[in-house]
Amino acid sequence: AWLWLVAYSVALVAAAAWPVVAFAPAAQGSGVPEVMAYLNGCNLSKVFNIRTVAVKLASCALCVAAG
């Protein structure tokens, strides 16, 4: 039974990592440094677009589901 749980968790983590690598590399990391830079006046072009937010939300949900 434990092998199934480990395989399930690994599959969820892989499913969370794939969109970040394939579609939105700007979604890597926590996002705190990007928000701090934005609040200090720096213009970060690909950090606050809809693709990055969607990938970050989906990958975060999958990682939490993985345990």
PDB file of N, CA and C in Angstrom:
ATOM      1  N   ALA A   1       0.817  -1.189   0.000  1.00  0.00           N
ATOM      2  CA  ALA A   1       0.000   0.000   0.000  1.00  0.00           C
ATOM      3  C   ALA A   1       0.861   1.253   0.000  1.00  0.00           C
ATOM      4  N   TRP A   2       2.000   1.227   0.697  1.00  0.00           N
ATOM      5  CA  TRP A   2       2.834   2.419   0.767  1.00  0.00           C
ATOM      6  C   TRP A   2       3.457   2.739  -0.582  1.00  0.00           C
ATOM      7  N   LEU A   3       3.709   1.723  -1.393  1.00  0.00           N
ATOM      8  CA  LEU A   3       4.279   1.976  -2.720  1.00  0.00           C
ATOM      9  C   LEU A   3       3.291   2.747  -3.593  1.00  0.00           C
ATOM     10  N   TRP A   4       2.006   2.436  -3.472  1.00  0.00           N
ATOM     11  CA  TRP A   4       0.984   3.167  -4.217  1.00  0.00           C
ATOM     12  C   TRP A   4       0.944   4.631  -3.786  1.00  0.00           C
ATOM     13  N   LEU A   5       1.038   4.890  -2.481  1.00  0.00           N
ATOM     14  CA  LEU A   5       1.006   6.260  -1.976  1.00  0.00           C
ATOM     15  C   LEU A   5       2.226   7.058  -2.437  1.00  0.00           C
ATOM     16  N   VAL A   6       3.379   6.413  -2.434  1.00  0.00           N
ATOM     17  CA  VAL A   6       4.593   7.096  -2.893  1.00  0.00           C
ATOM     18  C   VAL A   6       4.497   7.377  -4.387  1.00  0.00           C
ATOM     19  N   ALA A   7       4.045   6.425  -5.158  1.00  0.00           N
ATOM     20  CA  ALA A   7       3.914   6.622  -6.608  1.00  0.00           C
ATOM     21  C   ALA A   7       2.886   7.707  -6.918  1.00  0.00           C
ATOM     22  N   TYR A   8       1.805   7.747  -6.155  1.00  0.00           N
ATOM     23  CA  TYR A   8       0.765   8.766  -6.347  1.00  0.00           C
ATOM     24  C   TYR A   8       1.314  10.158  -6.044  1.00  0.00           C
ATOM     25  N   SER A   9       2.073  10.284  -4.968  1.00  0.00           N
ATOM     26  CA  SER A   9       2.661  11.568  -4.614  1.00  0.00           C
ATOM     27  C   SER A   9       3.695  12.018  -5.638  1.00  0.00           C
ATOM     28  N   VAL A  10       4.508  11.108  -6.118  1.00  0.00           N
ATOM     29  CA  VAL A  10       5.509  11.444  -7.133  1.00  0.00           C
ATOM     30  C   VAL A  10       4.832  11.871  -8.432  1.00  0.00           C
ATOM     31  N   ALA A  11       3.753  11.206  -8.783  1.00  0.00           N
ATOM     32  CA  ALA A  11       3.027  11.593  -9.999  1.00  0.00           C
ATOM     33  C   ALA A  11       2.414  12.982  -9.862  1.00  0.00           C
ATOM     34  N   LEU A  12       1.878  13.309  -8.697  1.00  0.00           N
ATOM     35  CA  LEU A  12       1.315  14.641  -8.493  1.00  0.00           C
ATOM     36  C   LEU A  12       2.392  15.723  -8.522  1.00  0.00           C
ATOM     37  N   VAL A  13       3.540  15.452  -7.946  1.00  0.00           N
ATOM     38  CA  VAL A  13       4.631  16.430  -7.971  1.00  0.00           C
ATOM     39  C   VAL A  13       5.151  16.609  -9.394  1.00  0.00           C
ATOM     40  N   ALA A  14       5.246  15.529 -10.154  1.00  0.00           N
ATOM     41  CA  ALA A  14       5.671  15.636 -11.554  1.00  0.00           C
ATOM     42  C   ALA A  14       4.647  16.421 -12.372  1.00  0.00           C
ATOM     43  N   ALA A  15       3.365  16.198 -12.091  1.00  0.00           N
ATOM     44  CA  ALA A  15       2.319  16.952 -12.788  1.00  0.00           C
ATOM     45  C   ALA A  15       2.347  18.417 -12.396  1.00  0.00           C
ATOM     46  N   ALA A  16       2.802  18.737 -11.203  1.00  0.00           N
ATOM     47  CA  ALA A  16       2.921  20.126 -10.778  1.00  0.00           C
ATOM     48  C   ALA A  16       4.146  20.797 -11.389  1.00  0.00           C
ATOM     49  N   ALA A  17       5.216  20.048 -11.560  1.00  0.00           N
ATOM     50  CA  ALA A  17       6.455  20.638 -12.078  1.00  0.00           C
ATOM     51  C   ALA A  17       6.437  20.814 -13.589  1.00  0.00           C
ATOM     52  N   TRP A  18       5.724  19.967 -14.299  1.00  0.00           N
ATOM     53  CA  TRP A  18       5.757  20.030 -15.760  1.00  0.00           C
ATOM     54  C   TRP A  18       5.251  21.349 -16.335  1.00  0.00           C
ATOM     55  N   PRO A  19       4.111  21.902 -15.908  1.00  0.00           N
ATOM     56  CA  PRO A  19       3.676  23.175 -16.488  1.00  0.00           C
ATOM     57  C   PRO A  19       4.625  24.331 -16.180  1.00  0.00           C
ATOM     58  N   VAL A  20       5.282  24.277 -15.021  1.00  0.00           N
ATOM     59  CA  VAL A  20       6.230  25.340 -14.683  1.00  0.00           C
ATOM     60  C   VAL A  20       7.411  25.307 -15.643  1.00  0.00           C
ATOM     61  N   VAL A  21       7.903  24.135 -15.919  1.00  0.00           N
ATOM     62  CA  VAL A  21       9.043  24.008 -16.825  1.00  0.00           C
ATOM     63  C   VAL A  21       8.636  24.285 -18.269  1.00  0.00           C
ATOM     64  N   ALA A  22       7.466  23.815 -18.673  1.00  0.00           N
ATOM     65  CA  ALA A  22       7.065  23.898 -20.076  1.00  0.00           C
ATOM     66  C   ALA A  22       6.442  25.233 -20.457  1.00  0.00           C
ATOM     67  N   PHE A  23       5.610  25.806 -19.597  1.00  0.00           N
ATOM     68  CA  PHE A  23       4.814  26.955 -20.006  1.00  0.00           C
ATOM     69  C   PHE A  23       5.180  28.264 -19.324  1.00  0.00           C
ATOM     70  N   ALA A  24       5.520  28.234 -18.055  1.00  0.00           N
ATOM     71  CA  ALA A  24       5.746  29.482 -17.323  1.00  0.00           C
ATOM     72  C   ALA A  24       6.930  29.361 -16.367  1.00  0.00           C
ATOM     73  N   PRO A  25       8.143  29.476 -16.874  1.00  0.00           N
ATOM     74  CA  PRO A  25       9.307  29.420 -15.980  1.00  0.00           C
ATOM     75  C   PRO A  25       9.325  30.549 -14.947  1.00  0.00           C
ATOM     76  N   ALA A  26       8.588  31.622 -15.198  1.00  0.00           N
ATOM     77  CA  ALA A  26       8.527  32.717 -14.220  1.00  0.00           C
ATOM     78  C   ALA A  26       7.751  32.323 -12.976  1.00  0.00           C
ATOM     79  N   ALA A  27       7.052  31.191 -13.002  1.00  0.00           N
ATOM     80  CA  ALA A  27       6.279  30.734 -11.846  1.00  0.00           C
ATOM     81  C   ALA A  27       7.131  29.981 -10.832  1.00  0.00           C
ATOM     82  N   GLN A  28       8.412  29.843 -11.079  1.00  0.00           N
ATOM     83  CA  GLN A  28       9.290  29.162 -10.133  1.00  0.00           C
ATOM     84  C   GLN A  28       9.475  30.015  -8.887  1.00  0.00           C
ATOM     85  N   GLY A  29       9.659  29.381  -7.776  1.00  0.00           N
ATOM     86  CA  GLY A  29       9.937  30.091  -6.539  1.00  0.00           C
ATOM     87  C   GLY A  29       8.684  30.553  -5.825  1.00  0.00           C
ATOM     88  N   SER A  30       8.902  31.299  -4.745  1.00  0.00           N
ATOM     89  CA  SER A  30       7.778  31.701  -3.905  1.00  0.00           C
ATOM     90  C   SER A  30       7.054  32.929  -4.427  1.00  0.00           C
ATOM     91  N   GLY A  31       7.749  33.816  -5.090  1.00  0.00           N
ATOM     92  CA  GLY A  31       7.138  35.033  -5.595  1.00  0.00           C
ATOM     93  C   GLY A  31       7.334  36.228  -4.681  1.00  0.00           C
ATOM     94  N   VAL A  32       7.843  36.013  -3.477  1.00  0.00           N
ATOM     95  CA  VAL A  32       8.044  37.121  -2.542  1.00  0.00           C
ATOM     96  C   VAL A  32       9.060  38.130  -3.076  1.00  0.00           C
ATOM     97  N   PRO A  33      10.222  37.708  -3.611  1.00  0.00           N
ATOM     98  CA  PRO A  33      11.155  38.697  -4.146  1.00  0.00           C
ATOM     99  C   PRO A  33      10.578  39.496  -5.321  1.00  0.00           C
ATOM    100  N   GLU A  34       9.752  38.841  -6.136  1.00  0.00           N
ATOM    101  CA  GLU A  34       9.143  39.543  -7.260  1.00  0.00           C
ATOM    102  C   GLU A  34       8.159  40.608  -6.778  1.00  0.00           C
ATOM    103  N   VAL A  35       7.366  40.284  -5.771  1.00  0.00           N
ATOM    104  CA  VAL A  35       6.417  41.255  -5.229  1.00  0.00           C
ATOM    105  C   VAL A  35       7.153  42.416  -4.575  1.00  0.00           C
ATOM    106  N   MET A  36       8.217  42.131  -3.852  1.00  0.00           N
ATOM    107  CA  MET A  36       8.996  43.198  -3.232  1.00  0.00           C
ATOM    108  C   MET A  36       9.626  44.102  -4.279  1.00  0.00           C
ATOM    109  N   ALA A  37      10.138  43.510  -5.364  1.00  0.00           N
ATOM    110  CA  ALA A  37      10.720  44.319  -6.438  1.00  0.00           C
ATOM    111  C   ALA A  37       9.650  45.167  -7.117  1.00  0.00           C
ATOM    112  N   TYR A  38       8.467  44.612  -7.322  1.00  0.00           N
ATOM    113  CA  TYR A  38       7.369  45.369  -7.935  1.00  0.00           C
ATOM    114  C   TYR A  38       6.949  46.538  -7.048  1.00  0.00           C
ATOM    115  N   LEU A  39       6.878  46.298  -5.748  1.00  0.00           N
ATOM    116  CA  LEU A  39       6.495  47.364  -4.834  1.00  0.00           C
ATOM    117  C   LEU A  39       7.564  48.449  -4.729  1.00  0.00           C
ATOM    118  N   ASN A  40       8.808  48.102  -5.039  1.00  0.00           N
ATOM    119  CA  ASN A  40       9.883  49.089  -5.033  1.00  0.00           C
ATOM    120  C   ASN A  40      10.021  49.818  -6.360  1.00  0.00           C
ATOM    121  N   GLY A  41       9.167  49.497  -7.340  1.00  0.00           N
ATOM    122  CA  GLY A  41       9.159  50.239  -8.584  1.00  0.00           C
ATOM    123  C   GLY A  41       9.811  49.562  -9.767  1.00  0.00           C
ATOM    124  N   CYS A  42      10.275  48.332  -9.627  1.00  0.00           N
ATOM    125  CA  CYS A  42      10.881  47.626 -10.759  1.00  0.00           C
ATOM    126  C   CYS A  42       9.784  47.067 -11.665  1.00  0.00           C
ATOM    127  N   ASN A  43      10.021  47.102 -12.956  1.00  0.00           N
ATOM    128  CA  ASN A  43       9.048  46.582 -13.918  1.00  0.00           C
ATOM    129  C   ASN A  43       9.457  45.157 -14.305  1.00  0.00           C
ATOM    130  N   LEU A  44       8.690  44.189 -13.871  1.00  0.00           N
ATOM    131  CA  LEU A  44       8.943  42.785 -14.189  1.00  0.00           C
ATOM    132  C   LEU A  44       7.881  42.339 -15.179  1.00  0.00           C
ATOM    133  N   SER A  45       8.295  42.064 -16.399  1.00  0.00           N
ATOM    134  CA  SER A  45       7.324  41.880 -17.483  1.00  0.00           C
ATOM    135  C   SER A  45       6.534  40.573 -17.406  1.00  0.00           C
ATOM    136  N   LYS A  46       7.169  39.443 -17.153  1.00  0.00           N
ATOM    137  CA  LYS A  46       6.477  38.156 -17.259  1.00  0.00           C
ATOM    138  C   LYS A  46       6.065  37.568 -15.916  1.00  0.00           C
ATOM    139  N   VAL A  47       6.166  38.332 -14.868  1.00  0.00           N
ATOM    140  CA  VAL A  47       5.874  37.780 -13.553  1.00  0.00           C
ATOM    141  C   VAL A  47       4.392  37.883 -13.224  1.00  0.00           C
ATOM    142  N   PHE A  48       3.740  38.965 -13.597  1.00  0.00           N
ATOM    143  CA  PHE A  48       2.359  39.186 -13.201  1.00  0.00           C
ATOM    144  C   PHE A  48       1.407  39.080 -14.388  1.00  0.00           C
ATOM    145  N   ASN A  49       1.574  38.050 -15.217  1.00  0.00           N
ATOM    146  CA  ASN A  49       0.596  37.838 -16.289  1.00  0.00           C
ATOM    147  C   ASN A  49      -0.280  36.626 -15.947  1.00  0.00           C
ATOM    148  N   ILE A  50      -1.326  36.446 -16.723  1.00  0.00           N
ATOM    149  CA  ILE A  50      -2.335  35.433 -16.398  1.00  0.00           C
ATOM    150  C   ILE A  50      -1.777  34.009 -16.494  1.00  0.00           C
ATOM    151  N   ARG A  51      -0.858  33.757 -17.414  1.00  0.00           N
ATOM    152  CA  ARG A  51      -0.288  32.415 -17.567  1.00  0.00           C
ATOM    153  C   ARG A  51       0.527  32.036 -16.328  1.00  0.00           C
ATOM    154  N   THR A  52       1.324  32.973 -15.844  1.00  0.00           N
ATOM    155  CA  THR A  52       2.137  32.694 -14.668  1.00  0.00           C
ATOM    156  C   THR A  52       1.265  32.444 -13.444  1.00  0.00           C
ATOM    157  N   VAL A  53       0.234  33.244 -13.279  1.00  0.00           N
ATOM    158  CA  VAL A  53      -0.654  33.079 -12.126  1.00  0.00           C
ATOM    159  C   VAL A  53      -1.406  31.742 -12.208  1.00  0.00           C
ATOM    160  N   ALA A  54      -1.882  31.387 -13.394  1.00  0.00           N
ATOM    161  CA  ALA A  54      -2.614  30.127 -13.552  1.00  0.00           C
ATOM    162  C   ALA A  54      -1.712  28.926 -13.274  1.00  0.00           C
ATOM    163  N   VAL A  55      -0.498  28.952 -13.801  1.00  0.00           N
ATOM    164  CA  VAL A  55       0.432  27.840 -13.574  1.00  0.00           C
ATOM    165  C   VAL A  55       0.825  27.766 -12.108  1.00  0.00           C
ATOM    166  N   LYS A  56       1.055  28.912 -11.480  1.00  0.00           N
ATOM    167  CA  LYS A  56       1.427  28.910 -10.066  1.00  0.00           C
ATOM    168  C   LYS A  56       0.292  28.376  -9.193  1.00  0.00           C
ATOM    169  N   LEU A  57      -0.943  28.761  -9.480  1.00  0.00           N
ATOM    170  CA  LEU A  57      -2.078  28.254  -8.706  1.00  0.00           C
ATOM    171  C   LEU A  57      -2.265  26.746  -8.889  1.00  0.00           C
ATOM    172  N   ALA A  58      -2.198  26.291 -10.138  1.00  0.00           N
ATOM    173  CA  ALA A  58      -2.392  24.866 -10.403  1.00  0.00           C
ATOM    174  C   ALA A  58      -1.277  24.023  -9.794  1.00  0.00           C
ATOM    175  N   SER A  59      -0.030  24.455  -9.940  1.00  0.00           N
ATOM    176  CA  SER A  59       1.083  23.679  -9.403  1.00  0.00           C
ATOM    177  C   SER A  59       1.082  23.696  -7.883  1.00  0.00           C
ATOM    178  N   CYS A  60       0.671  24.796  -7.290  1.00  0.00           N
ATOM    179  CA  CYS A  60       0.575  24.849  -5.827  1.00  0.00           C
ATOM    180  C   CYS A  60      -0.495  23.889  -5.323  1.00  0.00           C
ATOM    181  N   ALA A  61      -1.632  23.841  -5.990  1.00  0.00           N
ATOM    182  CA  ALA A  61      -2.698  22.923  -5.593  1.00  0.00           C
ATOM    183  C   ALA A  61      -2.249  21.463  -5.726  1.00  0.00           C
ATOM    184  N   LEU A  62      -1.542  21.149  -6.798  1.00  0.00           N
ATOM    185  CA  LEU A  62      -1.064  19.768  -6.979  1.00  0.00           C
ATOM    186  C   LEU A  62      -0.002  19.404  -5.945  1.00  0.00           C
ATOM    187  N   CYS A  63       0.863  20.329  -5.618  1.00  0.00           N
ATOM    188  CA  CYS A  63       1.886  20.036  -4.602  1.00  0.00           C
ATOM    189  C   CYS A  63       1.272  19.829  -3.232  1.00  0.00           C
ATOM    190  N   VAL A  64       0.268  20.616  -2.891  1.00  0.00           N
ATOM    191  CA  VAL A  64      -0.420  20.425  -1.608  1.00  0.00           C
ATOM    192  C   VAL A  64      -1.140  19.078  -1.605  1.00  0.00           C
ATOM    193  N   ALA A  65      -1.731  18.695  -2.721  1.00  0.00           N
ATOM    194  CA  ALA A  65      -2.408  17.408  -2.808  1.00  0.00           C
ATOM    195  C   ALA A  65      -1.419  16.232  -2.711  1.00  0.00           C
ATOM    196  N   ALA A  66      -0.180  16.459  -3.128  1.00  0.00           N
ATOM    197  CA  ALA A  66       0.826  15.404  -3.057  1.00  0.00           C
ATOM    198  C   ALA A  66       1.261  15.111  -1.629  1.00  0.00           C
ATOM    199  N   GLY A  67       1.070  16.067  -0.763  1.00  0.00           N
ATOM    200  CA  GLY A  67       1.414  15.843   0.636  1.00  0.00           C
ATOM    201  C   GLY A  67       2.749  16.380   0.930  1.00  0.00           C
TER     202      GLY A  67
END
